[in-house]
Amino acid sequence: MSRNRWALPILLAIASAAGAAAHLHEGQLFTSARKSLIKDKWMPVSMHANDDYVYEGVEKQLVKRGFKEVDSCSMDSSRCILYYKRGKECLRLDTVGEQLTMMKVEQWSSECADAPPKKAE
C-alpha cells in the first residue's frame, strides 16, 4: 500500500474543517457560530432521535430549545459536542458553558457523528 493513498482523504478532511473554520474562532459565542454555519449550508445533525438516550443538564436545555445536534455535554465542565453536515463534509463543534447565552466555541474538527471513537494515546 502506498502512503500517498491516504493523502487525498486527509487533505479533504483538512479542507472541510478549514472551510468551516472561516466562520469559527475560539471563544466565539455558540449561537453566533451556529448562525454562520447554517448560513453557509452546514446542517445540524439530529442526534439521538432513534435511540433511548436520556438528556441531562445542559443537554436537556439545548434540546428543549431546538438544538437537536447536541450529542452530549459533560456534567462537570459543561463541555458539549455538536455535529453538522454539509453534503459529505462533517463538522464536530465543541463548546463550553453552562447556559446557552454564555456557551462559547472551544474547538472543531472534521469528525463525523457516526465515526468510531478515537483511541486514547
N, C-alpha and C. Protein backbone atom coordinates (compact mmCIF):
# COMPACT_ATOMS: atom_id res chain seq x y z
N MET A 1 0.83 -1.18 0.00
CA MET A 1 0.00 0.00 0.00
C MET A 1 0.87 1.25 0.00
N SER A 2 0.51 2.18 -0.80
CA SER A 2 1.26 3.42 -0.90
C SER A 2 0.82 4.39 0.20
N ARG A 3 1.79 5.12 0.72
CA ARG A 3 1.45 6.14 1.72
C ARG A 3 0.61 7.25 1.10
N ASN A 4 0.77 7.47 -0.20
CA ASN A 4 0.02 8.52 -0.89
C ASN A 4 -1.47 8.21 -0.98
N ARG A 5 -1.83 6.96 -0.79
CA ARG A 5 -3.23 6.55 -0.86
C ARG A 5 -4.07 7.32 0.16
N TRP A 6 -3.49 7.66 1.28
CA TRP A 6 -4.21 8.34 2.35
C TRP A 6 -4.12 9.86 2.24
N ALA A 7 -3.30 10.35 1.35
CA ALA A 7 -3.08 11.80 1.25
C ALA A 7 -4.36 12.55 0.89
N LEU A 8 -5.09 12.09 -0.13
CA LEU A 8 -6.29 12.80 -0.56
C LEU A 8 -7.37 12.83 0.52
N PRO A 9 -7.72 11.69 1.14
CA PRO A 9 -8.73 11.76 2.21
C PRO A 9 -8.32 12.68 3.35
N ILE A 10 -7.06 12.68 3.70
CA ILE A 10 -6.59 13.56 4.79
C ILE A 10 -6.71 15.01 4.36
N LEU A 11 -6.29 15.32 3.14
CA LEU A 11 -6.39 16.70 2.64
C LEU A 11 -7.84 17.16 2.57
N LEU A 12 -8.76 16.27 2.15
CA LEU A 12 -10.17 16.63 2.09
C LEU A 12 -10.73 16.91 3.49
N ALA A 13 -10.34 16.12 4.46
CA ALA A 13 -10.79 16.35 5.84
C ALA A 13 -10.29 17.69 6.36
N ILE A 14 -9.04 17.99 6.06
CA ILE A 14 -8.47 19.28 6.50
C ILE A 14 -9.19 20.43 5.81
N ALA A 15 -9.46 20.28 4.52
CA ALA A 15 -10.16 21.33 3.77
C ALA A 15 -11.56 21.55 4.32
N SER A 16 -12.25 20.46 4.70
CA SER A 16 -13.59 20.57 5.26
C SER A 16 -13.57 21.36 6.56
N ALA A 17 -12.67 21.02 7.45
CA ALA A 17 -12.56 21.73 8.72
C ALA A 17 -12.13 23.17 8.48
N ALA A 18 -11.25 23.38 7.49
CA ALA A 18 -10.79 24.73 7.18
C ALA A 18 -11.94 25.57 6.63
N GLY A 19 -12.82 24.95 5.81
CA GLY A 19 -13.97 25.67 5.27
C GLY A 19 -14.90 26.14 6.38
N ALA A 20 -15.10 25.31 7.36
CA ALA A 20 -15.93 25.70 8.50
C ALA A 20 -15.20 26.72 9.36
N ALA A 21 -13.88 26.59 9.41
CA ALA A 21 -13.08 27.46 10.26
C ALA A 21 -13.17 28.92 9.82
N ALA A 22 -13.54 29.14 8.57
CA ALA A 22 -13.68 30.52 8.10
C ALA A 22 -14.73 31.26 8.92
N HIS A 23 -15.67 30.52 9.50
CA HIS A 23 -16.74 31.13 10.29
C HIS A 23 -16.56 30.93 11.79
N LEU A 24 -15.56 30.19 12.18
CA LEU A 24 -15.39 29.85 13.59
C LEU A 24 -14.11 30.42 14.16
N HIS A 25 -14.17 30.78 15.42
CA HIS A 25 -12.95 31.11 16.14
C HIS A 25 -13.15 30.77 17.61
N GLU A 26 -12.07 30.40 18.24
CA GLU A 26 -12.11 30.02 19.65
C GLU A 26 -12.64 31.18 20.48
N GLY A 27 -13.58 30.89 21.36
CA GLY A 27 -14.17 31.91 22.22
C GLY A 27 -15.41 32.57 21.62
N GLN A 28 -15.75 32.24 20.39
CA GLN A 28 -16.93 32.79 19.72
C GLN A 28 -18.19 32.27 20.40
N LEU A 29 -19.19 33.10 20.53
CA LEU A 29 -20.46 32.64 21.09
C LEU A 29 -21.03 31.54 20.20
N PHE A 30 -21.50 30.47 20.81
CA PHE A 30 -22.05 29.34 20.08
C PHE A 30 -23.19 29.77 19.16
N THR A 31 -24.10 30.60 19.67
CA THR A 31 -25.26 31.00 18.86
C THR A 31 -24.82 31.74 17.60
N SER A 32 -23.80 32.55 17.69
CA SER A 32 -23.27 33.27 16.54
C SER A 32 -22.60 32.30 15.56
N ALA A 33 -21.82 31.37 16.09
CA ALA A 33 -21.14 30.37 15.25
C ALA A 33 -22.17 29.52 14.52
N ARG A 34 -23.19 29.07 15.21
CA ARG A 34 -24.23 28.23 14.61
C ARG A 34 -24.95 28.97 13.50
N LYS A 35 -25.28 30.22 13.74
CA LYS A 35 -25.96 31.03 12.73
C LYS A 35 -25.11 31.14 11.47
N SER A 36 -23.82 31.37 11.62
CA SER A 36 -22.91 31.47 10.48
C SER A 36 -22.79 30.14 9.74
N LEU A 37 -22.71 29.05 10.49
CA LEU A 37 -22.60 27.74 9.87
C LEU A 37 -23.83 27.42 9.04
N ILE A 38 -24.99 27.66 9.60
CA ILE A 38 -26.24 27.37 8.89
C ILE A 38 -26.36 28.25 7.64
N LYS A 39 -25.94 29.50 7.75
CA LYS A 39 -25.94 30.40 6.59
C LYS A 39 -25.03 29.86 5.48
N ASP A 40 -23.96 29.16 5.89
CA ASP A 40 -23.02 28.59 4.93
C ASP A 40 -23.39 27.14 4.57
N LYS A 41 -24.66 26.78 4.77
CA LYS A 41 -25.22 25.48 4.37
C LYS A 41 -24.79 24.28 5.22
N TRP A 42 -24.25 24.51 6.41
CA TRP A 42 -23.98 23.41 7.34
C TRP A 42 -25.30 23.10 8.04
N MET A 43 -25.72 21.85 7.98
CA MET A 43 -27.00 21.44 8.56
C MET A 43 -26.78 20.71 9.88
N PRO A 44 -27.53 21.06 10.92
CA PRO A 44 -27.43 20.33 12.18
C PRO A 44 -27.81 18.86 11.98
N VAL A 45 -27.04 17.98 12.57
CA VAL A 45 -27.32 16.54 12.52
C VAL A 45 -28.15 16.19 13.74
N SER A 46 -29.33 15.67 13.52
CA SER A 46 -30.20 15.29 14.63
C SER A 46 -29.62 14.06 15.33
N MET A 47 -29.23 14.25 16.56
CA MET A 47 -28.61 13.17 17.34
C MET A 47 -29.65 12.53 18.27
N HIS A 48 -29.49 11.27 18.52
CA HIS A 48 -30.30 10.51 19.48
C HIS A 48 -31.80 10.50 19.17
N ALA A 49 -32.16 10.75 17.92
CA ALA A 49 -33.58 10.74 17.55
C ALA A 49 -34.15 9.32 17.58
N ASN A 50 -33.28 8.33 17.34
CA ASN A 50 -33.76 6.95 17.24
C ASN A 50 -33.18 6.02 18.30
N ASP A 51 -32.79 6.58 19.42
CA ASP A 51 -32.29 5.73 20.50
C ASP A 51 -32.92 6.19 21.82
N ASP A 52 -32.56 5.54 22.88
CA ASP A 52 -33.18 5.83 24.18
C ASP A 52 -32.30 6.71 25.06
N TYR A 53 -31.46 7.53 24.43
CA TYR A 53 -30.57 8.41 25.19
C TYR A 53 -31.39 9.37 26.04
N VAL A 54 -31.00 9.53 27.29
CA VAL A 54 -31.70 10.43 28.20
C VAL A 54 -30.83 11.67 28.40
N TYR A 55 -31.35 12.81 27.97
CA TYR A 55 -30.62 14.07 28.11
C TYR A 55 -30.63 14.53 29.56
N GLU A 56 -29.51 15.11 29.98
CA GLU A 56 -29.36 15.63 31.34
C GLU A 56 -28.79 17.05 31.28
N GLY A 57 -29.02 17.84 32.29
CA GLY A 57 -28.39 19.14 32.46
C GLY A 57 -28.46 20.04 31.23
N VAL A 58 -27.28 20.51 30.78
CA VAL A 58 -27.18 21.43 29.65
C VAL A 58 -27.75 20.79 28.38
N GLU A 59 -27.50 19.50 28.18
CA GLU A 59 -28.04 18.80 27.00
C GLU A 59 -29.55 18.98 26.93
N LYS A 60 -30.19 18.76 28.05
CA LYS A 60 -31.65 18.83 28.13
C LYS A 60 -32.14 20.24 27.75
N GLN A 61 -31.45 21.26 28.26
CA GLN A 61 -31.83 22.64 27.95
C GLN A 61 -31.66 22.95 26.46
N LEU A 62 -30.56 22.47 25.87
CA LEU A 62 -30.31 22.70 24.45
C LEU A 62 -31.37 22.04 23.58
N VAL A 63 -31.67 20.78 23.86
CA VAL A 63 -32.66 20.04 23.08
C VAL A 63 -34.03 20.69 23.23
N LYS A 64 -34.36 21.13 24.43
CA LYS A 64 -35.63 21.79 24.69
C LYS A 64 -35.78 23.06 23.83
N ARG A 65 -34.65 23.72 23.55
CA ARG A 65 -34.66 24.94 22.73
C ARG A 65 -34.48 24.66 21.23
N GLY A 66 -34.50 23.38 20.86
CA GLY A 66 -34.48 23.02 19.45
C GLY A 66 -33.11 22.72 18.87
N PHE A 67 -32.09 22.59 19.70
CA PHE A 67 -30.75 22.28 19.22
C PHE A 67 -30.56 20.76 19.25
N LYS A 68 -31.14 20.09 18.26
CA LYS A 68 -31.13 18.63 18.20
C LYS A 68 -29.77 18.07 17.83
N GLU A 69 -28.82 18.92 17.43
CA GLU A 69 -27.50 18.46 17.03
C GLU A 69 -26.58 18.16 18.22
N VAL A 70 -27.05 18.39 19.43
CA VAL A 70 -26.23 18.10 20.61
C VAL A 70 -26.10 16.58 20.78
N ASP A 71 -24.85 16.14 20.87
CA ASP A 71 -24.59 14.72 21.09
C ASP A 71 -24.52 14.47 22.59
N SER A 72 -23.67 15.24 23.27
CA SER A 72 -23.54 15.08 24.71
C SER A 72 -22.86 16.30 25.31
N CYS A 73 -23.07 16.46 26.61
CA CYS A 73 -22.39 17.50 27.38
C CYS A 73 -21.91 16.86 28.67
N SER A 74 -20.71 17.23 29.08
CA SER A 74 -20.19 16.68 30.33
C SER A 74 -20.87 17.40 31.49
N MET A 75 -21.08 16.70 32.55
CA MET A 75 -21.75 17.28 33.71
C MET A 75 -20.80 18.16 34.53
N ASP A 76 -19.53 17.80 34.56
CA ASP A 76 -18.61 18.53 35.43
C ASP A 76 -18.07 19.82 34.85
N SER A 77 -17.92 19.91 33.52
CA SER A 77 -17.33 21.12 32.94
C SER A 77 -18.22 21.78 31.90
N SER A 78 -19.39 21.24 31.66
CA SER A 78 -20.35 21.78 30.68
C SER A 78 -19.75 21.93 29.29
N ARG A 79 -18.94 20.96 28.92
CA ARG A 79 -18.42 20.91 27.55
C ARG A 79 -19.41 20.10 26.74
N CYS A 80 -19.78 20.64 25.57
CA CYS A 80 -20.76 19.96 24.72
C CYS A 80 -20.16 19.64 23.36
N ILE A 81 -20.65 18.56 22.77
CA ILE A 81 -20.26 18.14 21.43
C ILE A 81 -21.51 18.20 20.56
N LEU A 82 -21.38 18.90 19.42
CA LEU A 82 -22.49 19.06 18.48
C LEU A 82 -21.99 18.72 17.09
N TYR A 83 -22.89 18.22 16.23
CA TYR A 83 -22.48 17.78 14.90
C TYR A 83 -23.30 18.45 13.80
N TYR A 84 -22.59 18.70 12.68
CA TYR A 84 -23.18 19.33 11.49
C TYR A 84 -22.68 18.61 10.25
N LYS A 85 -23.44 18.75 9.15
CA LYS A 85 -23.06 18.15 7.87
C LYS A 85 -23.35 19.12 6.75
N ARG A 86 -22.51 19.06 5.73
CA ARG A 86 -22.73 19.84 4.51
C ARG A 86 -22.32 18.92 3.37
N GLY A 87 -23.32 18.35 2.69
CA GLY A 87 -23.02 17.34 1.68
C GLY A 87 -22.37 16.14 2.36
N LYS A 88 -21.17 15.79 1.91
CA LYS A 88 -20.43 14.68 2.52
C LYS A 88 -19.44 15.15 3.57
N GLU A 89 -19.39 16.46 3.81
CA GLU A 89 -18.48 17.02 4.81
C GLU A 89 -19.10 16.94 6.19
N CYS A 90 -18.26 16.73 7.19
CA CYS A 90 -18.72 16.65 8.57
C CYS A 90 -18.03 17.71 9.41
N LEU A 91 -18.70 18.10 10.47
CA LEU A 91 -18.14 19.07 11.41
C LEU A 91 -18.56 18.70 12.82
N ARG A 92 -17.57 18.56 13.67
CA ARG A 92 -17.82 18.38 15.11
C ARG A 92 -17.44 19.70 15.76
N LEU A 93 -18.36 20.24 16.54
CA LEU A 93 -18.14 21.50 17.23
C LEU A 93 -18.16 21.24 18.72
N ASP A 94 -17.12 21.66 19.41
CA ASP A 94 -17.04 21.50 20.86
C ASP A 94 -17.21 22.88 21.50
N THR A 95 -18.10 22.95 22.48
CA THR A 95 -18.35 24.22 23.16
C THR A 95 -18.14 24.04 24.66
N VAL A 96 -18.11 25.17 25.35
CA VAL A 96 -18.03 25.15 26.80
C VAL A 96 -18.95 26.25 27.32
N GLY A 97 -19.64 25.96 28.42
CA GLY A 97 -20.55 26.93 29.02
C GLY A 97 -21.79 26.25 29.54
N GLU A 98 -22.32 26.78 30.63
CA GLU A 98 -23.48 26.17 31.28
C GLU A 98 -24.81 26.70 30.79
N GLN A 99 -24.81 27.88 30.17
CA GLN A 99 -26.04 28.48 29.68
C GLN A 99 -25.88 28.82 28.21
N LEU A 100 -26.94 28.68 27.44
CA LEU A 100 -26.89 28.91 26.01
C LEU A 100 -26.30 30.28 25.67
N THR A 101 -26.71 31.30 26.38
CA THR A 101 -26.23 32.65 26.07
C THR A 101 -24.75 32.85 26.38
N MET A 102 -24.16 31.93 27.14
CA MET A 102 -22.75 32.04 27.52
C MET A 102 -21.87 30.97 26.86
N MET A 103 -22.48 30.04 26.12
CA MET A 103 -21.71 28.96 25.50
C MET A 103 -20.79 29.52 24.44
N LYS A 104 -19.54 29.05 24.47
CA LYS A 104 -18.53 29.52 23.52
C LYS A 104 -17.87 28.35 22.80
N VAL A 105 -17.46 28.61 21.57
CA VAL A 105 -16.74 27.62 20.77
C VAL A 105 -15.38 27.38 21.41
N GLU A 106 -15.04 26.12 21.58
CA GLU A 106 -13.75 25.76 22.13
C GLU A 106 -12.82 25.20 21.05
N GLN A 107 -13.38 24.30 20.22
CA GLN A 107 -12.61 23.71 19.13
C GLN A 107 -13.55 23.06 18.14
N TRP A 108 -13.02 22.66 16.98
CA TRP A 108 -13.82 22.00 15.96
C TRP A 108 -12.92 21.09 15.15
N SER A 109 -13.56 20.13 14.46
CA SER A 109 -12.82 19.19 13.62
C SER A 109 -13.75 18.68 12.52
N SER A 110 -13.19 17.90 11.61
CA SER A 110 -13.99 17.34 10.51
C SER A 110 -14.51 15.95 10.86
N GLU A 111 -14.65 15.65 12.12
CA GLU A 111 -15.13 14.34 12.57
C GLU A 111 -16.64 14.20 12.32
N CYS A 112 -17.04 13.04 11.84
CA CYS A 112 -18.46 12.76 11.60
C CYS A 112 -19.12 12.17 12.84
N ALA A 113 -20.41 12.37 12.95
CA ALA A 113 -21.17 11.88 14.10
C ALA A 113 -21.12 10.37 14.22
N ASP A 114 -21.07 9.68 13.10
CA ASP A 114 -21.08 8.22 13.14
C ASP A 114 -19.68 7.61 13.14
N ALA A 115 -18.66 8.44 13.29
CA ALA A 115 -17.28 7.94 13.31
C ALA A 115 -17.04 7.19 14.61
N PRO A 116 -16.27 6.12 14.55
CA PRO A 116 -15.96 5.41 15.80
C PRO A 116 -15.10 6.30 16.69
N PRO A 117 -15.24 6.16 18.01
CA PRO A 117 -14.43 6.99 18.92
C PRO A 117 -12.93 6.77 18.68
N LYS A 118 -12.18 7.86 18.83
CA LYS A 118 -10.73 7.76 18.66
C LYS A 118 -10.11 7.13 19.90
N LYS A 119 -9.08 6.30 19.68
CA LYS A 119 -8.39 5.66 20.79
C LYS A 119 -7.54 6.68 21.53
N ALA A 120 -7.52 6.60 22.83
CA ALA A 120 -6.66 7.47 23.64
C ALA A 120 -5.22 7.03 23.45
N GLU A 121 -4.34 8.00 23.31
CA GLU A 121 -2.94 7.65 23.09
C GLU A 121 -2.16 7.69 24.38
